[in-house]
Structures are given as structure tokens and as C-alpha cells.
């Protein structure tokens, strides 16, 4: 996976969360997803990074959803 493809997938994750969690500001979603993405910055195998980012970010974003 190229860097451009990875970034495209990360943007898709943000878009999905923005749709799935309308009560969470997009800026918050972007911060959480980009933070999770930075966590995997030094990984050698990049193919699964978007999936790992989505899983890690999902838990944090669920915590932002108003009860």
C-alpha cells in the first residue's frame, strides 16, 4: 500500500465515523483518528494500518458519544 492509498483509507475512516456518530464533532473524530494513525507510524507492514487505526479510534470515539 502506498502512502497516498493509506491516507485515502484514513480519510474514509473519518468519513464513516462522521456519518456513524453525528453527535461527535468532525474535528474531534479527525483528532482521534489522526492520533491513532500516528501510533502506527513506525510500523513496517502498512497494509493493515487503516484497519488497526479504525479499531483503535472506534473505542475512543464511542467514549465521546453523549449518553
PDB file of N, CA and C in Angstrom:
ATOM      1  N   UNK A   1       0.853  -1.166   0.000  1.00  0.00           N
ATOM      2  CA  UNK A   1       0.000   0.000   0.000  1.00  0.00           C
ATOM      3  C   UNK A   1       0.904   1.236   0.000  1.00  0.00           C
ATOM      4  N   UNK A   2       0.604   2.161  -0.882  1.00  0.00           N
ATOM      5  CA  UNK A   2       1.373   3.397  -0.930  1.00  0.00           C
ATOM      6  C   UNK A   2       0.910   4.346   0.178  1.00  0.00           C
ATOM      7  N   UNK A   3       1.717   5.333   0.447  1.00  0.00           N
ATOM      8  CA  UNK A   3       1.356   6.334   1.460  1.00  0.00           C
ATOM      9  C   UNK A   3       0.059   7.053   1.079  1.00  0.00           C
ATOM     10  N   UNK A   4      -0.088   7.377  -0.199  1.00  0.00           N
ATOM     11  CA  UNK A   4      -1.315   8.052  -0.651  1.00  0.00           C
ATOM     12  C   UNK A   4      -2.548   7.172  -0.447  1.00  0.00           C
ATOM     13  N   UNK A   5      -2.407   5.874  -0.732  1.00  0.00           N
ATOM     14  CA  UNK A   5      -3.527   4.956  -0.525  1.00  0.00           C
ATOM     15  C   UNK A   5      -3.879   4.868   0.959  1.00  0.00           C
ATOM     16  N   UNK A   6      -2.859   4.801   1.787  1.00  0.00           N
ATOM     17  CA  UNK A   6      -3.098   4.725   3.231  1.00  0.00           C
ATOM     18  C   UNK A   6      -3.832   5.967   3.726  1.00  0.00           C
ATOM     19  N   UNK A   7      -3.374   7.131   3.295  1.00  0.00           N
ATOM     20  CA  UNK A   7      -4.025   8.375   3.709  1.00  0.00           C
ATOM     21  C   UNK A   7      -5.465   8.443   3.215  1.00  0.00           C
ATOM     22  N   UNK A   8      -5.692   7.929   2.024  1.00  0.00           N
ATOM     23  CA  UNK A   8      -7.063   7.886   1.488  1.00  0.00           C
ATOM     24  C   UNK A   8      -7.946   7.005   2.373  1.00  0.00           C
ATOM     25  N   UNK A   9      -7.437   5.860   2.785  1.00  0.00           N
ATOM     26  CA  UNK A   9      -8.194   4.968   3.665  1.00  0.00           C
ATOM     27  C   UNK A   9      -8.467   5.620   5.017  1.00  0.00           C
ATOM     28  N   UNK A  10      -7.504   6.362   5.524  1.00  0.00           N
ATOM     29  CA  UNK A  10      -7.688   7.058   6.806  1.00  0.00           C
ATOM     30  C   UNK A  10      -8.793   8.103   6.672  1.00  0.00           C
ATOM     31  N   UNK A  11      -8.829   8.810   5.570  1.00  0.00           N
ATOM     32  CA  UNK A  11      -9.895   9.790   5.333  1.00  0.00           C
ATOM     33  C   UNK A  11     -11.254   9.100   5.237  1.00  0.00           C
ATOM     34  N   UNK A  12     -11.288   7.910   4.658  1.00  0.00           N
ATOM     35  CA  UNK A  12     -12.536   7.148   4.594  1.00  0.00           C
ATOM     36  C   UNK A  12     -13.003   6.737   5.995  1.00  0.00           C
ATOM     37  N   UNK A  13     -12.062   6.393   6.856  1.00  0.00           N
ATOM     38  CA  UNK A  13     -12.400   6.061   8.245  1.00  0.00           C
ATOM     39  C   UNK A  13     -13.058   7.272   8.902  1.00  0.00           C
ATOM     40  N   UNK A  14     -12.467   8.439   8.709  1.00  0.00           N
ATOM     41  CA  UNK A  14     -13.022   9.668   9.284  1.00  0.00           C
ATOM     42  C   UNK A  14     -14.437   9.902   8.755  1.00  0.00           C
ATOM     43  N   UNK A  15     -14.627   9.742   7.463  1.00  0.00           N
ATOM     44  CA  UNK A  15     -15.953   9.939   6.870  1.00  0.00           C
ATOM     45  C   UNK A  15     -16.980   8.955   7.441  1.00  0.00           C
ATOM     46  N   UNK A  16     -16.582   7.693   7.608  1.00  0.00           N
ATOM     47  CA  UNK A  16     -17.509   6.696   8.170  1.00  0.00           C
ATOM     48  C   UNK A  16     -17.898   7.062   9.592  1.00  0.00           C
ATOM     49  N   UNK A  17     -16.919   7.451  10.406  1.00  0.00           N
ATOM     50  CA  UNK A  17     -17.221   7.821  11.786  1.00  0.00           C
ATOM     51  C   UNK A  17     -18.062   9.082  11.844  1.00  0.00           C
ATOM     52  N   UNK A  18     -17.822  10.005  10.934  1.00  0.00           N
ATOM     53  CA  UNK A  18     -18.609  11.238  10.898  1.00  0.00           C
ATOM     54  C   UNK A  18     -20.078  10.917  10.623  1.00  0.00           C
ATOM     55  N   UNK A  19     -20.318   9.941   9.784  1.00  0.00           N
ATOM     56  CA  UNK A  19     -21.680   9.513   9.484  1.00  0.00           C
ATOM     57  C   UNK A  19     -22.270   8.702  10.635  1.00  0.00           C
ATOM     58  N   UNK A  20     -21.474   7.812  11.191  1.00  0.00           N
ATOM     59  CA  UNK A  20     -21.944   6.896  12.240  1.00  0.00           C
ATOM     60  C   UNK A  20     -22.194   7.604  13.565  1.00  0.00           C
ATOM     61  N   UNK A  21     -21.418   8.639  13.854  1.00  0.00           N
ATOM     62  CA  UNK A  21     -21.522   9.351  15.135  1.00  0.00           C
ATOM     63  C   UNK A  21     -21.806  10.836  14.887  1.00  0.00           C
ATOM     64  N   UNK A  22     -23.025  11.174  14.471  1.00  0.00           N
ATOM     65  CA  UNK A  22     -23.340  12.560  14.115  1.00  0.00           C
ATOM     66  C   UNK A  22     -23.288  13.531  15.297  1.00  0.00           C
ATOM     67  N   UNK A  23     -23.357  13.019  16.525  1.00  0.00           N
ATOM     68  CA  UNK A  23     -23.308  13.893  17.698  1.00  0.00           C
ATOM     69  C   UNK A  23     -21.885  14.246  18.119  1.00  0.00           C
ATOM     70  N   UNK A  24     -20.900  13.625  17.477  1.00  0.00           N
ATOM     71  CA  UNK A  24     -19.498  13.919  17.784  1.00  0.00           C
ATOM     72  C   UNK A  24     -18.987  14.878  16.704  1.00  0.00           C
ATOM     73  N   UNK A  25     -18.420  16.014  17.101  1.00  0.00           N
ATOM     74  CA  UNK A  25     -17.907  16.954  16.097  1.00  0.00           C
ATOM     75  C   UNK A  25     -16.846  16.309  15.201  1.00  0.00           C
ATOM     76  N   UNK A  26     -16.897  16.623  13.924  1.00  0.00           N
ATOM     77  CA  UNK A  26     -15.938  16.056  12.972  1.00  0.00           C
ATOM     78  C   UNK A  26     -14.502  16.338  13.400  1.00  0.00           C
ATOM     79  N   UNK A  27     -14.257  17.517  13.955  1.00  0.00           N
ATOM     80  CA  UNK A  27     -12.899  17.868  14.379  1.00  0.00           C
ATOM     81  C   UNK A  27     -12.397  16.897  15.441  1.00  0.00           C
ATOM     82  N   UNK A  28     -13.283  16.485  16.339  1.00  0.00           N
ATOM     83  CA  UNK A  28     -12.916  15.514  17.380  1.00  0.00           C
ATOM     84  C   UNK A  28     -12.607  14.161  16.758  1.00  0.00           C
ATOM     85  N   UNK A  29     -13.421  13.770  15.803  1.00  0.00           N
ATOM     86  CA  UNK A  29     -13.196  12.498  15.109  1.00  0.00           C
ATOM     87  C   UNK A  29     -11.848  12.536  14.398  1.00  0.00           C
ATOM     88  N   UNK A  30     -11.566  13.635  13.709  1.00  0.00           N
ATOM     89  CA  UNK A  30     -10.296  13.765  12.999  1.00  0.00           C
ATOM     90  C   UNK A  30      -9.120  13.664  13.970  1.00  0.00           C
ATOM     91  N   UNK A  31      -9.219  14.318  15.106  1.00  0.00           N
ATOM     92  CA  UNK A  31      -8.137  14.273  16.089  1.00  0.00           C
ATOM     93  C   UNK A  31      -7.901  12.858  16.591  1.00  0.00           C
ATOM     94  N   UNK A  32      -8.969  12.153  16.911  1.00  0.00           N
ATOM     95  CA  UNK A  32      -8.838  10.789  17.425  1.00  0.00           C
ATOM     96  C   UNK A  32      -8.228   9.871  16.366  1.00  0.00           C
ATOM     97  N   UNK A  33      -8.727   9.952  15.145  1.00  0.00           N
ATOM     98  CA  UNK A  33      -8.237   9.078  14.073  1.00  0.00           C
ATOM     99  C   UNK A  33      -6.778   9.386  13.755  1.00  0.00           C
ATOM    100  N   UNK A  34      -6.433  10.656  13.659  1.00  0.00           N
ATOM    101  CA  UNK A  34      -5.039  11.013  13.347  1.00  0.00           C
ATOM    102  C   UNK A  34      -4.103  10.624  14.489  1.00  0.00           C
ATOM    103  N   UNK A  35      -4.573  10.710  15.709  1.00  0.00           N
ATOM    104  CA  UNK A  35      -3.770  10.271  16.847  1.00  0.00           C
ATOM    105  C   UNK A  35      -3.514   8.764  16.771  1.00  0.00           C
ATOM    106  N   UNK A  36      -4.556   8.007  16.463  1.00  0.00           N
ATOM    107  CA  UNK A  36      -4.401   6.559  16.312  1.00  0.00           C
ATOM    108  C   UNK A  36      -3.463   6.242  15.152  1.00  0.00           C
ATOM    109  N   UNK A  37      -3.556   7.008  14.089  1.00  0.00           N
ATOM    110  CA  UNK A  37      -2.695   6.792  12.923  1.00  0.00           C
ATOM    111  C   UNK A  37      -1.229   7.043  13.287  1.00  0.00           C
ATOM    112  N   UNK A  38      -0.977   8.081  14.059  1.00  0.00           N
ATOM    113  CA  UNK A  38       0.399   8.373  14.486  1.00  0.00           C
ATOM    114  C   UNK A  38       0.966   7.236  15.332  1.00  0.00           C
ATOM    115  N   UNK A  39       0.101   6.581  16.080  1.00  0.00           N
ATOM    116  CA  UNK A  39       0.536   5.465  16.916  1.00  0.00           C
ATOM    117  C   UNK A  39       1.174   4.353  16.074  1.00  0.00           C
ATOM    118  N   UNK A  40       0.715   4.190  14.861  1.00  0.00           N
ATOM    119  CA  UNK A  40       1.218   3.139  13.974  1.00  0.00           C
ATOM    120  C   UNK A  40       2.231   3.666  12.950  1.00  0.00           C
ATOM    121  N   UNK A  41       2.733   4.846  13.157  1.00  0.00           N
ATOM    122  CA  UNK A  41       3.615   5.497  12.183  1.00  0.00           C
ATOM    123  C   UNK A  41       4.891   4.710  11.892  1.00  0.00           C
ATOM    124  N   UNK A  42       5.404   4.003  12.864  1.00  0.00           N
ATOM    125  CA  UNK A  42       6.678   3.305  12.666  1.00  0.00           C
ATOM    126  C   UNK A  42       6.514   1.838  12.301  1.00  0.00           C
ATOM    127  N   UNK A  43       5.297   1.415  12.075  1.00  0.00           N
ATOM    128  CA  UNK A  43       5.071   0.026  11.694  1.00  0.00           C
ATOM    129  C   UNK A  43       5.648  -0.271  10.321  1.00  0.00           C
ATOM    130  N   UNK A  44       6.200  -1.440  10.166  1.00  0.00           N
ATOM    131  CA  UNK A  44       6.834  -1.803   8.895  1.00  0.00           C
ATOM    132  C   UNK A  44       5.824  -2.325   7.875  1.00  0.00           C
ATOM    133  N   UNK A  45       4.831  -3.063   8.340  1.00  0.00           N
ATOM    134  CA  UNK A  45       3.808  -3.593   7.439  1.00  0.00           C
ATOM    135  C   UNK A  45       2.639  -2.630   7.462  1.00  0.00           C
ATOM    136  N   UNK A  46       2.405  -1.975   6.352  1.00  0.00           N
ATOM    137  CA  UNK A  46       1.421  -0.893   6.292  1.00  0.00           C
ATOM    138  C   UNK A  46       0.035  -1.349   5.850  1.00  0.00           C
ATOM    139  N   UNK A  47      -0.096  -2.556   5.329  1.00  0.00           N
ATOM    140  CA  UNK A  47      -1.363  -2.989   4.730  1.00  0.00           C
ATOM    141  C   UNK A  47      -2.543  -2.960   5.702  1.00  0.00           C
ATOM    142  N   UNK A  48      -2.293  -3.214   6.978  1.00  0.00           N
ATOM    143  CA  UNK A  48      -3.382  -3.292   7.938  1.00  0.00           C
ATOM    144  C   UNK A  48      -3.525  -2.048   8.803  1.00  0.00           C
ATOM    145  N   UNK A  49      -2.727  -1.036   8.549  1.00  0.00           N
ATOM    146  CA  UNK A  49      -2.762   0.172   9.376  1.00  0.00           C
ATOM    147  C   UNK A  49      -4.144   0.813   9.389  1.00  0.00           C
ATOM    148  N   UNK A  50      -4.807   1.010   8.254  1.00  0.00           N
ATOM    149  CA  UNK A  50      -6.142   1.627   8.318  1.00  0.00           C
ATOM    150  C   UNK A  50      -7.124   0.842   9.187  1.00  0.00           C
ATOM    151  N   UNK A  51      -7.073  -0.482   9.107  1.00  0.00           N
ATOM    152  CA  UNK A  51      -7.965  -1.307   9.930  1.00  0.00           C
ATOM    153  C   UNK A  51      -7.627  -1.150  11.411  1.00  0.00           C
ATOM    154  N   UNK A  52      -6.355  -1.172  11.743  1.00  0.00           N
ATOM    155  CA  UNK A  52      -5.931  -1.010  13.134  1.00  0.00           C
ATOM    156  C   UNK A  52      -6.292   0.374  13.666  1.00  0.00           C
ATOM    157  N   UNK A  53      -6.133   1.377  12.828  1.00  0.00           N
ATOM    158  CA  UNK A  53      -6.494   2.743  13.208  1.00  0.00           C
ATOM    159  C   UNK A  53      -7.996   2.814  13.474  1.00  0.00           C
ATOM    160  N   UNK A  54      -8.786   2.226  12.590  1.00  0.00           N
ATOM    161  CA  UNK A  54     -10.240   2.270  12.757  1.00  0.00           C
ATOM    162  C   UNK A  54     -10.659   1.602  14.064  1.00  0.00           C
ATOM    163  N   UNK A  55     -10.082   0.464  14.367  1.00  0.00           N
ATOM    164  CA  UNK A  55     -10.435  -0.238  15.609  1.00  0.00           C
ATOM    165  C   UNK A  55     -10.043   0.570  16.842  1.00  0.00           C
ATOM    166  N   UNK A  56      -8.836   1.122  16.832  1.00  0.00           N
ATOM    167  CA  UNK A  56      -8.371   1.892  17.989  1.00  0.00           C
ATOM    168  C   UNK A  56      -9.201   3.162  18.167  1.00  0.00           C
ATOM    169  N   UNK A  57      -9.501   3.836  17.072  1.00  0.00           N
ATOM    170  CA  UNK A  57     -10.246   5.093  17.137  1.00  0.00           C
ATOM    171  C   UNK A  57     -11.700   4.867  17.524  1.00  0.00           C
ATOM    172  N   UNK A  58     -12.275   3.764  17.096  1.00  0.00           N
ATOM    173  CA  UNK A  58     -13.689   3.487  17.383  1.00  0.00           C
ATOM    174  C   UNK A  58     -13.948   3.490  18.889  1.00  0.00           C
ATOM    175  N   UNK A  59     -13.084   2.862  19.643  1.00  0.00           N
ATOM    176  CA  UNK A  59     -13.279   2.800  21.093  1.00  0.00           C
ATOM    177  C   UNK A  59     -13.239   4.197  21.718  1.00  0.00           C
ATOM    178  N   UNK A  60     -12.315   5.017  21.285  1.00  0.00           N
ATOM    179  CA  UNK A  60     -12.212   6.367  21.822  1.00  0.00           C
ATOM    180  C   UNK A  60     -13.399   7.228  21.425  1.00  0.00           C
ATOM    181  N   UNK A  61     -13.845   7.086  20.183  1.00  0.00           N
ATOM    182  CA  UNK A  61     -14.970   7.895  19.712  1.00  0.00           C
ATOM    183  C   UNK A  61     -16.256   7.488  20.408  1.00  0.00           C
ATOM    184  N   UNK A  62     -16.431   6.210  20.666  1.00  0.00           N
ATOM    185  CA  UNK A  62     -17.621   5.767  21.408  1.00  0.00           C
ATOM    186  C   UNK A  62     -17.682   6.440  22.773  1.00  0.00           C
ATOM    187  N   UNK A  63     -16.520   6.698  23.355  1.00  0.00           N
ATOM    188  CA  UNK A  63     -16.468   7.387  24.649  1.00  0.00           C
ATOM    189  C   UNK A  63     -16.858   8.846  24.557  1.00  0.00           C
ATOM    190  N   UNK A  64     -16.828   9.408  23.348  1.00  0.00           N
ATOM    191  CA  UNK A  64     -17.204  10.809  23.144  1.00  0.00           C
ATOM    192  C   UNK A  64     -18.691  11.001  22.885  1.00  0.00           C
ATOM    193  N   UNK A  65     -19.392   9.895  22.610  1.00  0.00           N
ATOM    194  CA  UNK A  65     -20.815   9.972  22.282  1.00  0.00           C
ATOM    195  C   UNK A  65     -21.598  10.325  23.539  1.00  0.00           C
ATOM    196  N   UNK A  66     -22.384  11.386  23.481  1.00  0.00           N
ATOM    197  CA  UNK A  66     -23.206  11.760  24.644  1.00  0.00           C
ATOM    198  C   UNK A  66     -24.185  10.642  24.993  1.00  0.00           C
ATOM    199  N   UNK A  67     -24.350  10.398  26.263  1.00  0.00           N
ATOM    200  CA  UNK A  67     -25.265   9.326  26.710  1.00  0.00           C
ATOM    201  C   UNK A  67     -26.688   9.819  26.795  1.00  0.00           C
TER     202      UNK A  67
END
